[in-house]
Each structure stands twice: as C-alpha cells, then as structure tokens.
N, C-alpha and C. Protein backbone atom coordinates (compact mmCIF):
# COMPACT_ATOMS: atom_id res chain seq x y z
N VAL A 1 33.15 -20.34 20.37
CA VAL A 1 32.23 -19.97 19.12
C VAL A 1 31.06 -21.20 19.23
N GLN A 2 29.91 -20.87 19.03
CA GLN A 2 28.77 -21.99 18.88
C GLN A 2 28.19 -21.79 17.64
N LEU A 3 27.90 -23.10 17.06
CA LEU A 3 27.53 -22.74 15.52
C LEU A 3 26.18 -23.67 15.47
N GLN A 4 25.37 -23.08 14.68
CA GLN A 4 23.70 -23.58 14.47
C GLN A 4 23.63 -23.50 13.18
N ALA A 5 23.66 -24.78 12.52
CA ALA A 5 23.26 -24.88 10.95
C ALA A 5 21.82 -25.10 10.86
N SER A 6 21.22 -24.72 9.78
CA SER A 6 19.78 -25.07 9.58
C SER A 6 19.38 -24.78 8.11
N GLY A 7 18.36 -24.99 7.50
CA GLY A 7 18.10 -24.77 6.14
C GLY A 7 18.00 -26.05 5.52
N GLY A 8 18.32 -27.29 5.87
CA GLY A 8 18.14 -28.33 5.40
C GLY A 8 16.77 -28.95 5.03
N GLY A 9 16.68 -30.04 4.15
CA GLY A 9 15.26 -30.26 3.91
C GLY A 9 15.31 -31.37 2.76
N LEU A 10 14.14 -31.73 2.18
CA LEU A 10 14.01 -32.62 1.07
C LEU A 10 13.75 -31.86 -0.25
N VAL A 11 14.42 -32.14 -1.35
CA VAL A 11 14.06 -31.48 -2.42
C VAL A 11 14.32 -32.42 -3.57
N GLN A 12 13.71 -31.93 -4.85
CA GLN A 12 13.98 -32.94 -5.97
C GLN A 12 15.24 -32.42 -6.74
N ALA A 13 15.79 -33.82 -7.32
CA ALA A 13 16.90 -33.14 -8.03
C ALA A 13 16.72 -32.14 -8.97
N GLY A 14 17.73 -31.21 -9.24
CA GLY A 14 17.51 -29.95 -9.96
C GLY A 14 17.31 -28.63 -9.20
N GLY A 15 16.71 -28.93 -8.13
CA GLY A 15 16.24 -27.96 -6.99
C GLY A 15 17.28 -27.25 -6.24
N SER A 16 17.00 -26.23 -5.55
CA SER A 16 17.76 -25.31 -4.61
C SER A 16 17.63 -25.45 -3.14
N LEU A 17 18.52 -25.55 -2.44
CA LEU A 17 18.45 -25.08 -0.92
C LEU A 17 19.53 -24.02 -0.58
N ARG A 18 19.15 -23.33 0.59
CA ARG A 18 20.12 -22.44 0.98
C ARG A 18 20.18 -22.60 2.52
N LEU A 19 21.59 -23.18 2.87
CA LEU A 19 21.89 -23.61 4.30
C LEU A 19 22.42 -22.29 4.99
N SER A 20 21.96 -22.17 6.15
CA SER A 20 22.64 -20.97 6.93
C SER A 20 23.43 -21.51 8.28
N CYS A 21 24.25 -20.88 8.87
CA CYS A 21 24.93 -21.23 9.87
C CYS A 21 25.31 -20.14 10.76
N ALA A 22 24.45 -19.96 11.79
CA ALA A 22 24.58 -18.81 12.57
C ALA A 22 25.48 -19.08 13.86
N ALA A 23 26.42 -18.04 14.05
CA ALA A 23 27.64 -18.25 15.14
C ALA A 23 27.07 -17.28 16.36
N SER A 24 27.59 -17.79 17.63
CA SER A 24 27.65 -16.84 18.46
C SER A 24 28.93 -16.23 18.67
N GLY A 25 29.06 -15.10 19.45
CA GLY A 25 30.33 -14.84 19.73
C GLY A 25 30.85 -13.66 18.99
N ARG A 26 31.51 -12.60 19.49
CA ARG A 26 31.74 -11.41 18.92
C ARG A 26 32.83 -11.63 18.18
N THR A 27 33.67 -12.64 18.02
CA THR A 27 34.83 -12.86 17.06
C THR A 27 34.45 -13.63 15.71
N PHE A 28 33.33 -13.58 15.43
CA PHE A 28 33.01 -14.43 14.31
C PHE A 28 33.57 -13.91 13.00
N SER A 29 33.66 -12.55 12.95
CA SER A 29 34.17 -12.07 11.68
C SER A 29 35.76 -12.27 11.56
N SER A 30 36.15 -12.77 12.55
CA SER A 30 37.81 -13.14 12.38
C SER A 30 38.05 -14.45 12.03
N TYR A 31 36.85 -15.61 12.12
CA TYR A 31 36.93 -16.73 11.79
C TYR A 31 36.98 -17.01 9.99
N PRO A 32 37.82 -17.70 9.61
CA PRO A 32 37.27 -18.38 8.47
C PRO A 32 36.41 -19.60 8.67
N MET A 33 35.53 -19.72 7.61
CA MET A 33 34.42 -20.80 7.79
C MET A 33 34.39 -21.78 6.81
N GLY A 34 33.76 -23.00 7.23
CA GLY A 34 33.70 -23.99 6.01
C GLY A 34 32.46 -24.73 6.25
N TRP A 35 32.06 -25.48 5.11
CA TRP A 35 30.99 -26.44 5.18
C TRP A 35 31.51 -27.86 4.68
N PHE A 36 31.02 -28.92 5.27
CA PHE A 36 31.46 -30.24 5.28
C PHE A 36 30.17 -30.98 5.00
N ARG A 37 30.12 -32.11 4.37
CA ARG A 37 28.91 -32.97 4.20
C ARG A 37 29.41 -34.59 4.83
N GLN A 38 28.44 -35.25 5.08
CA GLN A 38 28.67 -36.69 5.48
C GLN A 38 27.29 -37.37 5.15
N ALA A 39 27.69 -38.63 4.19
CA ALA A 39 26.58 -39.33 3.54
C ALA A 39 26.68 -40.53 4.46
N PRO A 40 25.64 -41.27 4.58
CA PRO A 40 25.46 -42.71 5.35
C PRO A 40 26.73 -43.63 4.74
N GLY A 41 27.58 -44.07 5.75
CA GLY A 41 28.53 -44.95 5.53
C GLY A 41 29.89 -44.49 4.61
N LYS A 42 29.80 -43.02 4.80
CA LYS A 42 31.00 -42.47 3.98
C LYS A 42 31.61 -41.45 4.98
N GLU A 43 32.83 -41.14 4.71
CA GLU A 43 33.44 -40.09 5.55
C GLU A 43 32.88 -38.87 5.35
N ARG A 44 33.30 -38.03 6.40
CA ARG A 44 32.98 -36.41 6.17
C ARG A 44 33.66 -35.80 5.10
N GLU A 45 33.39 -35.12 4.20
CA GLU A 45 34.01 -34.29 3.11
C GLU A 45 33.83 -33.03 3.15
N PHE A 46 34.89 -32.25 2.48
CA PHE A 46 35.02 -30.86 2.44
C PHE A 46 33.83 -30.62 1.40
N VAL A 47 33.09 -29.56 1.54
CA VAL A 47 32.39 -28.85 0.55
C VAL A 47 32.75 -27.44 0.13
N ALA A 48 32.89 -26.66 0.84
CA ALA A 48 33.34 -25.14 0.66
C ALA A 48 33.98 -24.60 1.81
N ALA A 49 34.74 -23.32 1.52
CA ALA A 49 35.22 -22.75 2.53
C ALA A 49 35.32 -21.22 2.19
N ILE A 50 35.41 -20.31 3.17
CA ILE A 50 35.36 -18.89 2.88
C ILE A 50 36.44 -18.05 3.99
N SER A 51 37.09 -17.17 3.61
CA SER A 51 38.04 -16.53 4.34
C SER A 51 37.27 -15.67 5.51
N TRP A 52 37.83 -15.07 6.33
CA TRP A 52 37.21 -14.38 7.42
C TRP A 52 36.51 -13.08 6.66
N GLY A 53 37.00 -12.59 5.62
CA GLY A 53 36.63 -11.40 5.12
C GLY A 53 35.67 -11.70 3.89
N GLY A 54 35.76 -12.94 3.65
CA GLY A 54 34.77 -13.22 2.30
C GLY A 54 35.52 -12.92 1.04
N GLY A 55 36.64 -12.59 1.16
CA GLY A 55 37.22 -12.25 -0.51
C GLY A 55 37.74 -13.56 -1.06
N SER A 56 38.04 -14.75 -0.47
CA SER A 56 38.56 -15.97 -0.76
C SER A 56 37.74 -16.82 -0.57
N THR A 57 37.04 -17.69 -1.48
CA THR A 57 36.20 -18.75 -1.38
C THR A 57 36.90 -20.08 -2.20
N TYR A 58 36.64 -21.31 -1.67
CA TYR A 58 37.20 -22.57 -2.09
C TYR A 58 36.20 -23.65 -2.02
N TYR A 59 35.98 -24.71 -3.08
CA TYR A 59 34.97 -25.53 -3.39
C TYR A 59 35.64 -26.74 -3.65
N ALA A 60 34.85 -27.67 -3.19
CA ALA A 60 35.34 -29.18 -3.80
C ALA A 60 34.88 -29.01 -5.24
N ASP A 61 35.77 -30.11 -5.96
CA ASP A 61 35.33 -30.09 -7.33
C ASP A 61 33.83 -30.68 -7.49
N SER A 62 33.44 -31.38 -6.67
CA SER A 62 32.05 -31.95 -7.06
C SER A 62 30.91 -30.98 -6.93
N VAL A 63 31.18 -29.76 -6.25
CA VAL A 63 30.18 -28.95 -6.15
C VAL A 63 30.54 -27.54 -7.02
N LYS A 64 31.55 -27.43 -7.13
CA LYS A 64 32.00 -26.16 -8.15
C LYS A 64 31.09 -25.83 -9.19
N GLY A 65 30.68 -24.73 -9.16
CA GLY A 65 29.72 -23.96 -10.36
C GLY A 65 28.15 -24.23 -9.74
N ARG A 66 27.92 -25.00 -8.97
CA ARG A 66 26.60 -25.29 -8.34
C ARG A 66 26.27 -24.69 -6.90
N PHE A 67 27.19 -24.84 -6.24
CA PHE A 67 27.29 -24.16 -4.90
C PHE A 67 27.90 -23.03 -4.65
N THR A 68 27.23 -22.16 -3.97
CA THR A 68 28.02 -20.70 -3.51
C THR A 68 28.12 -20.58 -1.78
N ILE A 69 29.29 -20.32 -1.47
CA ILE A 69 29.38 -20.10 0.13
C ILE A 69 29.53 -18.45 0.19
N SER A 70 29.16 -17.86 1.23
CA SER A 70 28.84 -16.43 1.22
C SER A 70 28.96 -16.31 2.96
N ARG A 71 29.12 -15.05 3.13
CA ARG A 71 29.03 -14.70 4.71
C ARG A 71 28.45 -13.23 4.82
N GLU A 72 27.63 -12.96 5.99
CA GLU A 72 27.42 -11.65 6.42
C GLU A 72 27.86 -11.43 8.07
N ASN A 73 29.06 -10.72 8.06
CA ASN A 73 29.68 -10.76 9.20
C ASN A 73 28.67 -9.93 10.29
N ALA A 74 28.01 -9.06 9.85
CA ALA A 74 27.06 -8.20 10.65
C ALA A 74 26.03 -9.00 11.42
N LYS A 75 25.63 -10.12 10.61
CA LYS A 75 24.59 -11.13 11.10
C LYS A 75 25.13 -12.19 11.89
N ASN A 76 26.60 -12.48 11.90
CA ASN A 76 27.40 -13.69 12.37
C ASN A 76 26.72 -15.00 11.54
N THR A 77 26.69 -14.98 10.35
CA THR A 77 26.06 -15.91 9.38
C THR A 77 26.90 -16.24 8.29
N VAL A 78 27.06 -17.54 7.92
CA VAL A 78 27.86 -17.98 6.67
C VAL A 78 26.64 -18.72 5.91
N TYR A 79 26.61 -18.82 4.87
CA TYR A 79 25.47 -19.35 4.00
C TYR A 79 26.07 -20.46 3.07
N LEU A 80 25.33 -21.15 2.59
CA LEU A 80 25.68 -22.06 1.37
C LEU A 80 24.58 -22.30 0.58
N GLN A 81 24.46 -21.56 -0.61
CA GLN A 81 23.47 -21.67 -1.57
C GLN A 81 23.79 -22.98 -2.61
N MET A 82 22.73 -23.90 -2.57
CA MET A 82 22.99 -25.16 -3.37
C MET A 82 22.05 -25.02 -4.46
N ASN A 83 22.43 -25.03 -5.63
CA ASN A 83 21.74 -25.12 -6.83
C ASN A 83 21.95 -26.59 -7.67
N SER A 84 21.15 -26.78 -8.31
CA SER A 84 21.27 -27.75 -9.55
C SER A 84 21.53 -29.30 -8.72
N LEU A 85 20.81 -29.24 -7.30
CA LEU A 85 20.89 -30.43 -6.68
C LEU A 85 21.15 -31.76 -7.09
N LYS A 86 21.75 -32.71 -6.88
CA LYS A 86 21.82 -34.13 -7.54
C LYS A 86 21.54 -35.02 -6.18
N PRO A 87 21.13 -36.39 -6.64
CA PRO A 87 20.82 -37.25 -5.55
C PRO A 87 22.19 -37.50 -4.64
N GLU A 88 23.32 -37.54 -5.15
CA GLU A 88 24.50 -37.57 -4.52
C GLU A 88 25.03 -36.53 -3.68
N ASP A 89 24.18 -35.41 -3.52
CA ASP A 89 24.46 -34.39 -2.74
C ASP A 89 23.64 -34.73 -1.29
N THR A 90 22.88 -35.73 -1.35
CA THR A 90 22.27 -36.35 -0.07
C THR A 90 23.26 -36.47 0.95
N ALA A 91 23.03 -35.86 2.09
CA ALA A 91 24.07 -35.95 3.26
C ALA A 91 23.58 -35.23 4.47
N VAL A 92 24.37 -35.32 5.53
CA VAL A 92 24.10 -34.23 6.70
C VAL A 92 25.39 -33.43 6.33
N TYR A 93 24.81 -31.96 6.38
CA TYR A 93 25.76 -30.87 6.01
C TYR A 93 26.36 -30.21 7.58
N TYR A 94 27.42 -29.96 7.72
CA TYR A 94 28.01 -29.34 8.82
C TYR A 94 28.69 -28.10 8.70
N CYS A 95 28.61 -27.11 9.42
CA CYS A 95 29.34 -25.79 9.18
C CYS A 95 30.47 -25.98 10.34
N ALA A 96 31.66 -25.45 10.13
CA ALA A 96 32.82 -25.44 10.95
C ALA A 96 33.49 -23.96 10.76
N ALA A 97 34.21 -23.68 11.95
CA ALA A 97 34.92 -22.39 11.95
C ALA A 97 36.30 -22.61 12.39
N ASP A 98 37.04 -21.60 11.61
CA ASP A 98 38.47 -21.43 12.45
C ASP A 98 39.35 -22.47 11.78
N PHE A 99 39.62 -22.50 10.54
CA PHE A 99 40.62 -23.58 9.96
C PHE A 99 42.01 -23.13 10.00
N LYS A 100 42.86 -23.95 9.83
CA LYS A 100 44.34 -23.54 9.78
C LYS A 100 44.71 -23.13 8.63
N PRO A 101 45.32 -22.22 8.37
CA PRO A 101 45.98 -21.67 6.92
C PRO A 101 46.49 -22.91 6.04
N SER A 102 45.77 -22.59 4.90
CA SER A 102 46.06 -23.49 3.91
C SER A 102 45.63 -25.04 4.06
N SER A 103 44.69 -25.13 5.05
CA SER A 103 44.10 -26.29 5.27
C SER A 103 42.46 -26.50 5.49
N TYR A 104 41.96 -25.59 4.57
CA TYR A 104 40.60 -25.41 4.54
C TYR A 104 39.57 -26.59 4.16
N ASP A 105 40.30 -27.59 3.39
CA ASP A 105 39.66 -28.72 3.14
C ASP A 105 39.88 -29.92 4.09
N SER A 106 40.31 -29.69 4.95
CA SER A 106 40.74 -30.89 6.12
C SER A 106 39.82 -30.61 7.38
N SER A 107 39.08 -31.57 7.61
CA SER A 107 38.33 -31.40 8.94
C SER A 107 38.89 -31.38 9.98
N SER A 108 40.04 -32.08 10.16
CA SER A 108 40.84 -31.89 11.53
C SER A 108 41.41 -30.72 11.72
N SER A 109 41.32 -29.60 10.61
CA SER A 109 41.99 -28.36 10.63
C SER A 109 40.96 -27.34 11.49
N TYR A 110 39.67 -27.80 11.58
CA TYR A 110 38.85 -26.67 12.08
C TYR A 110 38.81 -26.91 13.67
N ALA A 111 38.41 -25.78 14.25
CA ALA A 111 38.33 -25.73 15.77
C ALA A 111 36.90 -26.00 16.41
N TYR A 112 35.95 -25.37 15.47
CA TYR A 112 34.49 -25.47 16.13
C TYR A 112 33.75 -26.10 14.99
N TRP A 113 32.70 -26.79 15.48
CA TRP A 113 31.67 -27.43 14.68
C TRP A 113 30.43 -27.19 15.07
N GLY A 114 29.33 -27.05 14.24
CA GLY A 114 28.10 -27.00 14.64
C GLY A 114 27.37 -28.50 14.49
N GLN A 115 26.15 -28.39 14.79
CA GLN A 115 25.34 -29.77 14.74
C GLN A 115 25.11 -29.87 13.05
N GLY A 116 24.57 -31.07 12.67
CA GLY A 116 24.29 -30.95 11.30
C GLY A 116 22.94 -30.82 10.82
N THR A 117 22.87 -30.58 9.55
CA THR A 117 21.25 -30.34 8.88
C THR A 117 21.13 -31.41 7.78
N GLN A 118 20.06 -32.20 7.68
CA GLN A 118 20.02 -33.02 6.74
C GLN A 118 19.56 -32.33 5.48
N VAL A 119 20.34 -32.93 4.55
CA VAL A 119 19.80 -32.42 3.03
C VAL A 119 19.55 -33.82 2.36
N THR A 120 18.36 -33.81 1.86
CA THR A 120 18.00 -35.17 0.96
C THR A 120 17.64 -34.60 -0.32
N VAL A 121 17.92 -35.37 -1.54
CA VAL A 121 17.62 -34.94 -2.77
C VAL A 121 17.19 -36.20 -3.24
N SER A 122 15.93 -36.03 -3.90
CA SER A 122 15.29 -37.14 -4.49
C SER A 122 15.51 -37.26 -6.04
N SER A 123 15.50 -38.28 -6.53
CA SER A 123 15.55 -38.52 -8.20
C SER A 123 14.23 -38.60 -8.80
C-alpha cells in the first residue's frame, strides 16, 4: 500500500483545513487507518484513527471535538477535517495504514506510512 497525504498549509488560529490521504491498492477498504503528527523537536503523536469500515473512530484528547476522521473506500481516501485550529496543532501530519487490533494509538503498530504534509497555524 502506498499512501499520499495532501491538504496541509498555513491557516490562522480558529481556521479549518481538511487533509486527505489517497491510497493505492485494491485492499484499501480492508485497512484501518490513522493520522499522526510530529512537531519540531517532539515525538510523533497519535491524532485519530478509523476502522476499516468507518464504524469506529478514535481521537487523541487534544483534538477531540475539533477534528473528524472519515473515509471513502470507493475513492481509496481517508480524510482529517480539522476545525478550530490552534497554534499547538502546528506539525507535519502523517497518514498510516493497517494498525494492529487495540493499538490504534501506537505508531509502531502501523504497517504503512505516507509522506507528511505540513500544517502551520499562526496566532
């Protein structure tokens, strides 16, 4: 599986962005997916995850209520809608695929990674 993230950019605090992650491969719909982020000088951290069918979603406490993860299996794409952005959301955002059961928040649990997309939130 190859993953291509896009949609990052520069936005003012309080604004919104939608990230997309396009996947290659016919088995995309069978993979649970996740988003992580990494700010300069910090470790990569979990942001959100979604089950293969989209029926279950998981969020980090820091983004709960502001971010929404979704997927369109027909388009081999997973999205991260980010609202009410804060300067502390500034980071490189990565999408990842195929996490092990019950380990959606662990980066080591994921088998496939895309390149990152930069999100910068100005105050």
